[in-house]
Amino acid sequence: MADTHTTPDVDLKEGDNAPDFQMDASRGRTVSLAALKGKPFVLYFYPKADTPGCTKEACGFSEALGQFEGAGLTIIGVSRDPVKKLDKFAEKYDLTFPLASDEAGRVTEAYGVWVEKSLYGKTYMGIDRTTFLIGADGKIARIWKKVKVPGHVEAVLEAAKDLAA
């Protein structure tokens, strides 16, 4: 049986347990659900490092990093890019939070963000820009699907402050 790498019908909802993960990340780090146990965090999925929308989103999170950390939250960006590309992206834009590599696709599939997309009449599989706010209890507190970058970081920060309160 061929592996088509399509996402099974994963439909995570607010209140669900966050799916487990462990990934290599930029700057020689590893990120995992286990290491974040008891801490709230933001897990955002983006299609491709160093493309215009993904750069705006990453820089937005970077600019607000102090506010997220002040609310006790960690930020983790996830794409299917190899770590080497993520290191270059982090270096180029001075992104200090972890950019995690899900090259094998297990995490993007577990979170239901690996979807069929279409562009100019062609269909292909790709990451649906999605953000998850995970509470200290390991449960999904908020989900933003089909994210539009302008205003997104501010919306996540507002929800994060409510979560931390």
Protein backbone atom coordinates (compact mmCIF):
# COMPACT_ATOMS: atom_id res chain seq x y z
CA MET A 1 0.00 0.00 0.00
CA ALA A 2 1.49 3.36 -1.02
CA ASP A 3 1.91 6.07 1.57
CA THR A 4 0.06 9.05 0.12
CA HIS A 5 0.84 11.27 3.11
CA THR A 6 -2.67 12.61 3.46
CA THR A 7 -3.99 13.65 6.80
CA PRO A 8 -6.57 11.38 8.29
CA ASP A 9 -9.65 13.33 9.32
CA VAL A 10 -8.12 15.00 12.34
CA ASP A 11 -10.49 17.58 13.75
CA LEU A 12 -9.01 18.89 16.97
CA LYS A 13 -11.26 21.06 19.09
CA GLU A 14 -10.76 23.45 21.95
CA GLY A 15 -10.61 21.38 25.13
CA ASP A 16 -8.93 18.39 23.44
CA ASN A 17 -5.55 17.17 24.66
CA ALA A 18 -2.71 18.53 22.52
CA PRO A 19 -1.21 15.72 20.42
CA ASP A 20 2.23 14.62 21.57
CA PHE A 21 5.29 15.87 19.69
CA GLN A 22 9.06 15.98 19.75
CA MET A 23 10.97 17.81 17.02
CA ASP A 24 14.42 19.15 16.31
CA ALA A 25 14.41 22.94 16.20
CA SER A 26 16.53 25.91 15.21
CA ARG A 27 19.75 26.75 17.02
CA GLY A 28 20.40 23.14 18.11
CA ARG A 29 17.27 22.80 20.24
CA THR A 30 14.63 20.12 20.62
CA VAL A 31 11.02 20.90 21.49
CA SER A 32 8.53 18.45 22.95
CA LEU A 33 5.15 18.37 24.62
CA ALA A 34 6.74 16.56 27.58
CA ALA A 35 9.27 19.37 28.15
CA LEU A 36 6.43 21.93 28.15
CA LYS A 37 4.31 20.04 30.68
CA GLY A 38 2.75 22.48 33.12
CA LYS A 39 3.52 25.53 30.93
CA PRO A 40 1.22 27.27 28.45
CA PHE A 41 2.56 27.76 24.93
CA VAL A 42 1.74 28.80 21.38
CA LEU A 43 2.31 26.26 18.60
CA TYR A 44 1.94 27.87 15.20
CA PHE A 45 2.18 26.06 11.89
CA TYR A 46 3.34 27.89 8.78
CA PRO A 47 3.89 26.68 5.20
CA LYS A 48 7.49 27.61 4.38
CA ALA A 49 10.37 29.49 6.01
CA ASP A 50 11.55 32.75 4.46
CA THR A 51 8.49 33.35 2.28
CA PRO A 52 6.66 36.71 2.61
CA GLY A 53 3.64 35.67 4.74
CA CYS A 54 5.65 33.31 6.92
CA THR A 55 8.33 35.95 7.47
CA LYS A 56 5.72 38.55 8.49
CA GLU A 57 4.13 36.08 10.89
CA ALA A 58 7.45 34.98 12.43
CA CYS A 59 8.65 38.58 12.81
CA GLY A 60 5.30 39.50 14.39
CA PHE A 61 5.68 36.77 17.00
CA SER A 62 9.31 37.81 17.49
CA GLU A 63 8.38 41.46 18.09
CA ALA A 64 5.77 40.41 20.67
CA LEU A 65 7.98 37.74 22.27
CA GLY A 66 8.59 39.80 25.44
CA GLN A 67 4.86 40.19 25.96
CA PHE A 68 4.23 36.45 25.45
CA GLU A 69 7.08 35.59 27.82
CA GLY A 70 5.72 38.14 30.31
CA ALA A 71 2.43 36.21 30.23
CA GLY A 72 4.44 33.00 30.84
CA LEU A 73 4.14 31.58 27.31
CA THR A 74 6.64 29.99 24.96
CA ILE A 75 6.29 30.41 21.18
CA ILE A 76 7.14 27.55 18.79
CA GLY A 77 6.85 27.80 15.01
CA VAL A 78 6.49 24.56 13.01
CA SER A 79 7.02 23.84 9.31
CA ARG A 80 8.21 20.88 7.24
CA ASP A 81 11.44 22.69 6.36
CA PRO A 82 14.72 20.99 7.31
CA VAL A 83 16.50 22.36 10.40
CA LYS A 84 19.31 23.81 8.27
CA LYS A 85 16.79 26.04 6.43
CA LEU A 86 15.16 27.00 9.75
CA ASP A 87 18.56 27.99 11.16
CA LYS A 88 19.14 30.30 8.17
CA PHE A 89 15.65 31.78 8.58
CA ALA A 90 16.17 32.33 12.33
CA GLU A 91 19.59 33.88 11.72
CA LYS A 92 18.38 36.17 8.91
CA TYR A 93 15.53 37.65 10.99
CA ASP A 94 17.02 37.20 14.49
CA LEU A 95 14.23 34.83 15.53
CA THR A 96 15.13 33.61 19.02
CA PHE A 97 12.14 31.36 19.69
CA PRO A 98 12.34 27.75 18.42
CA LEU A 99 11.44 27.00 14.81
CA ALA A 100 10.72 23.27 14.76
CA SER A 101 11.24 20.94 11.81
CA ASP A 102 8.53 18.39 11.07
CA GLU A 103 10.17 16.99 7.93
CA ALA A 104 8.51 13.58 8.36
CA GLY A 105 5.11 15.24 8.76
CA ARG A 106 3.98 13.39 11.87
CA VAL A 107 3.17 16.53 13.86
CA THR A 108 1.48 18.46 11.04
CA GLU A 109 -0.67 15.39 10.41
CA ALA A 110 -1.42 14.82 14.12
CA TYR A 111 -2.61 18.44 14.41
CA GLY A 112 -4.68 18.18 11.21
CA VAL A 113 -2.91 21.03 9.41
CA TRP A 114 -1.52 19.00 6.46
CA VAL A 115 -4.28 19.58 3.94
CA GLU A 116 -5.05 19.57 0.25
CA LYS A 117 -4.64 23.05 -1.19
CA SER A 118 -5.07 24.44 -4.66
CA LEU A 119 -3.32 27.17 -6.58
CA TYR A 120 -3.98 28.13 -10.19
CA GLY A 121 -6.11 25.02 -10.66
CA LYS A 122 -3.49 22.59 -9.34
CA THR A 123 -4.01 20.69 -6.11
CA TYR A 124 -1.19 19.80 -3.77
CA MET A 125 -0.62 18.97 -0.10
CA GLY A 126 0.58 21.72 2.19
CA ILE A 127 0.39 23.23 5.65
CA ASP A 128 -2.74 25.22 6.45
CA ARG A 129 -1.49 28.24 8.45
CA THR A 130 -2.92 27.41 11.89
CA THR A 131 -2.15 28.46 15.47
CA PHE A 132 -2.86 26.51 18.65
CA LEU A 133 -2.83 28.04 22.13
CA ILE A 134 -2.11 25.21 24.58
CA GLY A 135 -2.83 25.62 28.28
CA ALA A 136 -0.59 24.53 31.14
CA ASP A 137 -2.89 21.51 31.49
CA GLY A 138 -1.85 20.30 28.00
CA LYS A 139 -5.30 21.00 26.57
CA ILE A 140 -6.00 23.13 23.50
CA ALA A 141 -7.36 26.46 24.74
CA ARG A 142 -7.79 28.17 21.33
CA ILE A 143 -7.39 27.33 17.64
CA TRP A 144 -7.02 29.78 14.78
CA LYS A 145 -7.42 28.11 11.36
CA LYS A 146 -6.67 29.55 7.91
CA VAL A 147 -4.78 32.38 9.60
CA LYS A 148 -4.49 35.74 7.91
CA VAL A 149 -1.26 37.31 9.15
CA PRO A 150 -2.32 40.95 9.76
CA GLY A 151 -3.63 41.26 13.34
CA HIS A 152 -3.08 37.58 14.12
CA VAL A 153 -0.24 37.93 16.64
CA GLU A 154 -2.29 40.53 18.55
CA ALA A 155 -5.30 38.18 18.70
CA VAL A 156 -3.13 35.32 19.99
CA LEU A 157 -1.49 37.61 22.57
CA GLU A 158 -4.91 38.76 23.83
CA ALA A 159 -6.07 35.14 24.24
CA ALA A 160 -2.74 34.23 25.87
CA LYS A 161 -3.15 36.99 28.44
CA ASP A 162 -6.67 35.74 29.20
CA LEU A 163 -5.31 32.20 29.58
CA ALA A 164 -2.55 33.35 31.93
CA ALA A 165 -4.94 35.46 34.05
